Amino acid sequence: MRTLGVAVLGLFLGLIAGALLTSAIARPLVGGGGGEISTGVGVLLGMLMPVLGISGAVIGVIIERRSRGGS
């Protein structure tokens, strides 16, 4: 049950980090006056949040298992 809690916490922290990074990267790209970004950059920005969410969950579980001594 503890591992599940750590995975959920890591997921939420990864999603929050993804939201912050996405807005920090997209704001200068769109704010340049043109208001448009390329399709490739849009796809990468759209994938950033879920990828960081899953990564946060996996990293959280790995850290939790190592802190318990692998048992």
PDB file of N, CA and C in Angstrom:
ATOM      1  N   MET A   1       0.818  -1.181   0.000  1.00  0.00           N
ATOM      2  CA  MET A   1       0.000   0.000   0.000  1.00  0.00           C
ATOM      3  C   MET A   1       0.872   1.258   0.000  1.00  0.00           C
ATOM      4  N   ARG A   2       2.000   1.150   0.676  1.00  0.00           N
ATOM      5  CA  ARG A   2       2.909   2.292   0.724  1.00  0.00           C
ATOM      6  C   ARG A   2       3.471   2.597  -0.671  1.00  0.00           C
ATOM      7  N   THR A   3       3.775   1.548  -1.416  1.00  0.00           N
ATOM      8  CA  THR A   3       4.308   1.729  -2.764  1.00  0.00           C
ATOM      9  C   THR A   3       3.282   2.414  -3.662  1.00  0.00           C
ATOM     10  N   LEU A   4       2.029   2.052  -3.519  1.00  0.00           N
ATOM     11  CA  LEU A   4       0.980   2.682  -4.307  1.00  0.00           C
ATOM     12  C   LEU A   4       0.866   4.172  -3.973  1.00  0.00           C
ATOM     13  N   GLY A   5       0.949   4.500  -2.701  1.00  0.00           N
ATOM     14  CA  GLY A   5       0.893   5.900  -2.290  1.00  0.00           C
ATOM     15  C   GLY A   5       2.053   6.707  -2.846  1.00  0.00           C
ATOM     16  N   VAL A   6       3.235   6.117  -2.825  1.00  0.00           N
ATOM     17  CA  VAL A   6       4.416   6.798  -3.365  1.00  0.00           C
ATOM     18  C   VAL A   6       4.278   6.968  -4.876  1.00  0.00           C
ATOM     19  N   ALA A   7       3.729   5.972  -5.553  1.00  0.00           N
ATOM     20  CA  ALA A   7       3.532   6.072  -7.001  1.00  0.00           C
ATOM     21  C   ALA A   7       2.545   7.177  -7.346  1.00  0.00           C
ATOM     22  N   VAL A   8       1.454   7.277  -6.585  1.00  0.00           N
ATOM     23  CA  VAL A   8       0.463   8.323  -6.840  1.00  0.00           C
ATOM     24  C   VAL A   8       1.063   9.699  -6.556  1.00  0.00           C
ATOM     25  N   LEU A   9       1.821   9.821  -5.469  1.00  0.00           N
ATOM     26  CA  LEU A   9       2.474  11.093  -5.153  1.00  0.00           C
ATOM     27  C   LEU A   9       3.460  11.480  -6.253  1.00  0.00           C
ATOM     28  N   GLY A  10       4.255  10.517  -6.718  1.00  0.00           N
ATOM     29  CA  GLY A  10       5.194  10.793  -7.804  1.00  0.00           C
ATOM     30  C   GLY A  10       4.490  11.193  -9.084  1.00  0.00           C
ATOM     31  N   LEU A  11       3.342  10.559  -9.358  1.00  0.00           N
ATOM     32  CA  LEU A  11       2.558  10.908 -10.540  1.00  0.00           C
ATOM     33  C   LEU A  11       2.098  12.353 -10.475  1.00  0.00           C
ATOM     34  N   PHE A  12       1.530  12.745  -9.343  1.00  0.00           N
ATOM     35  CA  PHE A  12       1.050  14.120  -9.215  1.00  0.00           C
ATOM     36  C   PHE A  12       2.185  15.138  -9.259  1.00  0.00           C
ATOM     37  N   LEU A  13       3.298  14.834  -8.610  1.00  0.00           N
ATOM     38  CA  LEU A  13       4.432  15.757  -8.655  1.00  0.00           C
ATOM     39  C   LEU A  13       4.998  15.871 -10.071  1.00  0.00           C
ATOM     40  N   GLY A  14       5.026  14.760 -10.798  1.00  0.00           N
ATOM     41  CA  GLY A  14       5.480  14.804 -12.187  1.00  0.00           C
ATOM     42  C   GLY A  14       4.539  15.600 -13.073  1.00  0.00           C
ATOM     43  N   LEU A  15       3.230  15.470 -12.841  1.00  0.00           N
ATOM     44  CA  LEU A  15       2.263  16.242 -13.621  1.00  0.00           C
ATOM     45  C   LEU A  15       2.375  17.734 -13.328  1.00  0.00           C
ATOM     46  N   ILE A  16       2.596  18.077 -12.076  1.00  0.00           N
ATOM     47  CA  ILE A  16       2.769  19.492 -11.721  1.00  0.00           C
ATOM     48  C   ILE A  16       4.037  20.044 -12.365  1.00  0.00           C
ATOM     49  N   ALA A  17       5.119  19.268 -12.310  1.00  0.00           N
ATOM     50  CA  ALA A  17       6.363  19.702 -12.954  1.00  0.00           C
ATOM     51  C   ALA A  17       6.171  19.855 -14.460  1.00  0.00           C
ATOM     52  N   GLY A  18       5.431  18.937 -15.061  1.00  0.00           N
ATOM     53  CA  GLY A  18       5.162  19.025 -16.499  1.00  0.00           C
ATOM     54  C   GLY A  18       4.348  20.254 -16.852  1.00  0.00           C
ATOM     55  N   ALA A  19       3.357  20.577 -16.029  1.00  0.00           N
ATOM     56  CA  ALA A  19       2.550  21.773 -16.287  1.00  0.00           C
ATOM     57  C   ALA A  19       3.393  23.034 -16.182  1.00  0.00           C
ATOM     58  N   LEU A  20       4.258  23.090 -15.179  1.00  0.00           N
ATOM     59  CA  LEU A  20       5.111  24.268 -15.016  1.00  0.00           C
ATOM     60  C   LEU A  20       6.113  24.404 -16.156  1.00  0.00           C
ATOM     61  N   LEU A  21       6.719  23.284 -16.546  1.00  0.00           N
ATOM     62  CA  LEU A  21       7.676  23.337 -17.650  1.00  0.00           C
ATOM     63  C   LEU A  21       7.006  23.663 -18.977  1.00  0.00           C
ATOM     64  N   THR A  22       5.832  23.105 -19.202  1.00  0.00           N
ATOM     65  CA  THR A  22       5.121  23.378 -20.444  1.00  0.00           C
ATOM     66  C   THR A  22       4.791  24.862 -20.561  1.00  0.00           C
ATOM     67  N   SER A  23       4.291  25.451 -19.495  1.00  0.00           N
ATOM     68  CA  SER A  23       3.948  26.870 -19.573  1.00  0.00           C
ATOM     69  C   SER A  23       5.206  27.730 -19.664  1.00  0.00           C
ATOM     70  N   ALA A  24       6.287  27.313 -19.001  1.00  0.00           N
ATOM     71  CA  ALA A  24       7.527  28.095 -19.061  1.00  0.00           C
ATOM     72  C   ALA A  24       8.156  28.048 -20.452  1.00  0.00           C
ATOM     73  N   ILE A  25       7.979  26.940 -21.152  1.00  0.00           N
ATOM     74  CA  ILE A  25       8.545  26.823 -22.497  1.00  0.00           C
ATOM     75  C   ILE A  25       7.616  27.440 -23.537  1.00  0.00           C
ATOM     76  N   ALA A  26       6.316  27.220 -23.402  1.00  0.00           N
ATOM     77  CA  ALA A  26       5.371  27.677 -24.421  1.00  0.00           C
ATOM     78  C   ALA A  26       5.159  29.185 -24.390  1.00  0.00           C
ATOM     79  N   ARG A  27       5.213  29.787 -23.224  1.00  0.00           N
ATOM     80  CA  ARG A  27       4.947  31.230 -23.127  1.00  0.00           C
ATOM     81  C   ARG A  27       5.899  32.066 -23.984  1.00  0.00           C
ATOM     82  N   PRO A  28       7.213  31.841 -23.920  1.00  0.00           N
ATOM     83  CA  PRO A  28       8.099  32.634 -24.802  1.00  0.00           C
ATOM     84  C   PRO A  28       7.902  32.320 -26.287  1.00  0.00           C
ATOM     85  N   LEU A  29       7.556  31.069 -26.606  1.00  0.00           N
ATOM     86  CA  LEU A  29       7.365  30.713 -28.009  1.00  0.00           C
ATOM     87  C   LEU A  29       6.148  31.417 -28.604  1.00  0.00           C
ATOM     88  N   VAL A  30       5.072  31.490 -27.846  1.00  0.00           N
ATOM     89  CA  VAL A  30       3.838  32.088 -28.343  1.00  0.00           C
ATOM     90  C   VAL A  30       3.860  33.601 -28.175  1.00  0.00           C
ATOM     91  N   GLY A  31       4.530  34.074 -27.134  1.00  0.00           N
ATOM     92  CA  GLY A  31       4.539  35.503 -26.848  1.00  0.00           C
ATOM     93  C   GLY A  31       5.419  36.317 -27.774  1.00  0.00           C
ATOM     94  N   GLY A  32       6.065  35.696 -28.735  1.00  0.00           N
ATOM     95  CA  GLY A  32       6.959  36.409 -29.635  1.00  0.00           C
ATOM     96  C   GLY A  32       6.249  37.269 -30.653  1.00  0.00           C
ATOM     97  N   GLY A  33       4.935  37.351 -30.611  1.00  0.00           N
ATOM     98  CA  GLY A  33       4.206  38.199 -31.545  1.00  0.00           C
ATOM     99  C   GLY A  33       3.436  37.411 -32.583  1.00  0.00           C
ATOM    100  N   GLY A  34       3.991  36.305 -33.055  1.00  0.00           N
ATOM    101  CA  GLY A  34       3.324  35.510 -34.067  1.00  0.00           C
ATOM    102  C   GLY A  34       2.157  34.713 -33.515  1.00  0.00           C
ATOM    103  N   GLY A  35       2.287  34.228 -32.306  1.00  0.00           N
ATOM    104  CA  GLY A  35       1.222  33.468 -31.681  1.00  0.00           C
ATOM    105  C   GLY A  35       1.066  32.055 -32.212  1.00  0.00           C
ATOM    106  N   GLU A  36       1.992  31.594 -33.013  1.00  0.00           N
ATOM    107  CA  GLU A  36       1.893  30.241 -33.570  1.00  0.00           C
ATOM    108  C   GLU A  36       3.170  29.478 -33.280  1.00  0.00           C
ATOM    109  N   ILE A  37       3.009  28.177 -33.054  1.00  0.00           N
ATOM    110  CA  ILE A  37       4.159  27.297 -32.908  1.00  0.00           C
ATOM    111  C   ILE A  37       4.008  26.168 -33.916  1.00  0.00           C
ATOM    112  N   SER A  38       5.118  25.541 -34.240  1.00  0.00           N
ATOM    113  CA  SER A  38       5.064  24.475 -35.234  1.00  0.00           C
ATOM    114  C   SER A  38       4.381  23.235 -34.649  1.00  0.00           C
ATOM    115  N   THR A  39       3.965  22.352 -35.523  1.00  0.00           N
ATOM    116  CA  THR A  39       3.265  21.145 -35.107  1.00  0.00           C
ATOM    117  C   THR A  39       4.160  20.243 -34.270  1.00  0.00           C
ATOM    118  N   GLY A  40       5.414  20.113 -34.656  1.00  0.00           N
ATOM    119  CA  GLY A  40       6.342  19.264 -33.908  1.00  0.00           C
ATOM    120  C   GLY A  40       6.556  19.756 -32.488  1.00  0.00           C
ATOM    121  N   VAL A  41       6.714  21.059 -32.333  1.00  0.00           N
ATOM    122  CA  VAL A  41       6.893  21.637 -31.000  1.00  0.00           C
ATOM    123  C   VAL A  41       5.611  21.473 -30.188  1.00  0.00           C
ATOM    124  N   GLY A  42       4.474  21.616 -30.830  1.00  0.00           N
ATOM    125  CA  GLY A  42       3.200  21.428 -30.136  1.00  0.00           C
ATOM    126  C   GLY A  42       3.025  20.009 -29.639  1.00  0.00           C
ATOM    127  N   VAL A  43       3.424  19.030 -30.446  1.00  0.00           N
ATOM    128  CA  VAL A  43       3.337  17.632 -30.041  1.00  0.00           C
ATOM    129  C   VAL A  43       4.284  17.369 -28.872  1.00  0.00           C
ATOM    130  N   LEU A  44       5.497  17.899 -28.933  1.00  0.00           N
ATOM    131  CA  LEU A  44       6.447  17.709 -27.838  1.00  0.00           C
ATOM    132  C   LEU A  44       5.949  18.348 -26.548  1.00  0.00           C
ATOM    133  N   LEU A  45       5.389  19.525 -26.644  1.00  0.00           N
ATOM    134  CA  LEU A  45       4.847  20.183 -25.455  1.00  0.00           C
ATOM    135  C   LEU A  45       3.656  19.408 -24.903  1.00  0.00           C
ATOM    136  N   GLY A  46       2.857  18.831 -25.767  1.00  0.00           N
ATOM    137  CA  GLY A  46       1.718  18.040 -25.324  1.00  0.00           C
ATOM    138  C   GLY A  46       2.124  16.735 -24.669  1.00  0.00           C
ATOM    139  N   MET A  47       3.256  16.190 -25.067  1.00  0.00           N
ATOM    140  CA  MET A  47       3.724  14.935 -24.499  1.00  0.00           C
ATOM    141  C   MET A  47       4.520  15.136 -23.222  1.00  0.00           C
ATOM    142  N   LEU A  48       4.941  16.345 -22.940  1.00  0.00           N
ATOM    143  CA  LEU A  48       5.809  16.604 -21.799  1.00  0.00           C
ATOM    144  C   LEU A  48       5.136  16.272 -20.470  1.00  0.00           C
ATOM    145  N   MET A  49       3.897  16.676 -20.296  1.00  0.00           N
ATOM    146  CA  MET A  49       3.213  16.466 -19.026  1.00  0.00           C
ATOM    147  C   MET A  49       2.973  14.987 -18.714  1.00  0.00           C
ATOM    148  N   PRO A  50       2.409  14.197 -19.623  1.00  0.00           N
ATOM    149  CA  PRO A  50       2.226  12.770 -19.300  1.00  0.00           C
ATOM    150  C   PRO A  50       3.538  12.015 -19.099  1.00  0.00           C
ATOM    151  N   VAL A  51       4.546  12.353 -19.884  1.00  0.00           N
ATOM    152  CA  VAL A  51       5.833  11.667 -19.746  1.00  0.00           C
ATOM    153  C   VAL A  51       6.444  11.963 -18.379  1.00  0.00           C
ATOM    154  N   LEU A  52       6.392  13.218 -17.947  1.00  0.00           N
ATOM    155  CA  LEU A  52       6.930  13.557 -16.634  1.00  0.00           C
ATOM    156  C   LEU A  52       6.090  12.954 -15.513  1.00  0.00           C
ATOM    157  N   GLY A  53       4.787  12.827 -15.717  1.00  0.00           N
ATOM    158  CA  GLY A  53       3.944  12.191 -14.715  1.00  0.00           C
ATOM    159  C   GLY A  53       4.304  10.730 -14.521  1.00  0.00           C
ATOM    160  N   ILE A  54       4.447  10.001 -15.615  1.00  0.00           N
ATOM    161  CA  ILE A  54       4.820   8.591 -15.532  1.00  0.00           C
ATOM    162  C   ILE A  54       6.230   8.448 -14.971  1.00  0.00           C
ATOM    163  N   SER A  55       7.131   9.313 -15.394  1.00  0.00           N
ATOM    164  CA  SER A  55       8.502   9.269 -14.879  1.00  0.00           C
ATOM    165  C   SER A  55       8.529   9.528 -13.380  1.00  0.00           C
ATOM    166  N   GLY A  56       7.734  10.474 -12.917  1.00  0.00           N
ATOM    167  CA  GLY A  56       7.673  10.760 -11.484  1.00  0.00           C
ATOM    168  C   GLY A  56       7.183   9.568 -10.689  1.00  0.00           C
ATOM    169  N   ALA A  57       6.182   8.865 -11.213  1.00  0.00           N
ATOM    170  CA  ALA A  57       5.672   7.677 -10.523  1.00  0.00           C
ATOM    171  C   ALA A  57       6.728   6.588 -10.459  1.00  0.00           C
ATOM    172  N   VAL A  58       7.419   6.351 -11.559  1.00  0.00           N
ATOM    173  CA  VAL A  58       8.446   5.303 -11.599  1.00  0.00           C
ATOM    174  C   VAL A  58       9.618   5.661 -10.690  1.00  0.00           C
ATOM    175  N   ILE A  59      10.064   6.898 -10.752  1.00  0.00           N
ATOM    176  CA  ILE A  59      11.188   7.327  -9.920  1.00  0.00           C
ATOM    177  C   ILE A  59      10.811   7.280  -8.439  1.00  0.00           C
ATOM    178  N   GLY A  60       9.580   7.657  -8.113  1.00  0.00           N
ATOM    179  CA  GLY A  60       9.128   7.586  -6.730  1.00  0.00           C
ATOM    180  C   GLY A  60       9.152   6.167  -6.188  1.00  0.00           C
ATOM    181  N   VAL A  61       8.696   5.210  -6.983  1.00  0.00           N
ATOM    182  CA  VAL A  61       8.700   3.807  -6.553  1.00  0.00           C
ATOM    183  C   VAL A  61      10.132   3.297  -6.410  1.00  0.00           C
ATOM    184  N   ILE A  62      11.009   3.665  -7.323  1.00  0.00           N
ATOM    185  CA  ILE A  62      12.407   3.226  -7.237  1.00  0.00           C
ATOM    186  C   ILE A  62      13.059   3.771  -5.977  1.00  0.00           C
ATOM    187  N   ILE A  63      12.853   5.040  -5.688  1.00  0.00           N
ATOM    188  CA  ILE A  63      13.438   5.644  -4.486  1.00  0.00           C
ATOM    189  C   ILE A  63      12.871   5.001  -3.226  1.00  0.00           C
ATOM    190  N   GLU A  64      11.580   4.735  -3.226  1.00  0.00           N
ATOM    191  CA  GLU A  64      10.940   4.126  -2.057  1.00  0.00           C
ATOM    192  C   GLU A  64      11.467   2.713  -1.825  1.00  0.00           C
ATOM    193  N   ARG A  65      11.646   1.953  -2.875  1.00  0.00           N
ATOM    194  CA  ARG A  65      12.155   0.575  -2.731  1.00  0.00           C
ATOM    195  C   ARG A  65      13.602   0.574  -2.243  1.00  0.00           C
ATOM    196  N   ARG A  66      14.406   1.496  -2.750  1.00  0.00           N
ATOM    197  CA  ARG A  66      15.794   1.564  -2.315  1.00  0.00           C
ATOM    198  C   ARG A  66      15.903   2.018  -0.865  1.00  0.00           C
ATOM    199  N   SER A  67      15.008   2.895  -0.430  1.00  0.00           N
ATOM    200  CA  SER A  67      15.064   3.378   0.951  1.00  0.00           C
ATOM    201  C   SER A  67      14.644   2.281   1.931  1.00  0.00           C
ATOM    202  N   ARG A  68      13.837   1.319   1.475  1.00  0.00           N
ATOM    203  CA  ARG A  68      13.441   0.193   2.331  1.00  0.00           C
ATOM    204  C   ARG A  68      14.465  -0.927   2.315  1.00  0.00           C
ATOM    205  N   GLY A  69      15.457  -0.819   1.505  1.00  0.00           N
ATOM    206  CA  GLY A  69      16.479  -1.858   1.450  1.00  0.00           C
ATOM    207  C   GLY A  69      16.170  -2.977   0.483  1.00  0.00           C
ATOM    208  N   GLY A  70      15.231  -2.733  -0.448  1.00  0.00           N
ATOM    209  CA  GLY A  70      14.922  -3.716  -1.463  1.00  0.00           C
ATOM    210  C   GLY A  70      13.999  -4.826  -1.019  1.00  0.00           C
ATOM    211  N   SER A  71      13.445  -4.730   0.194  1.00  0.00           N
ATOM    212  CA  SER A  71      12.557  -5.806   0.668  1.00  0.00           C
ATOM    213  C   SER A  71      11.157  -5.682   0.172  1.00  0.00           C
TER     214      SER A  71
END
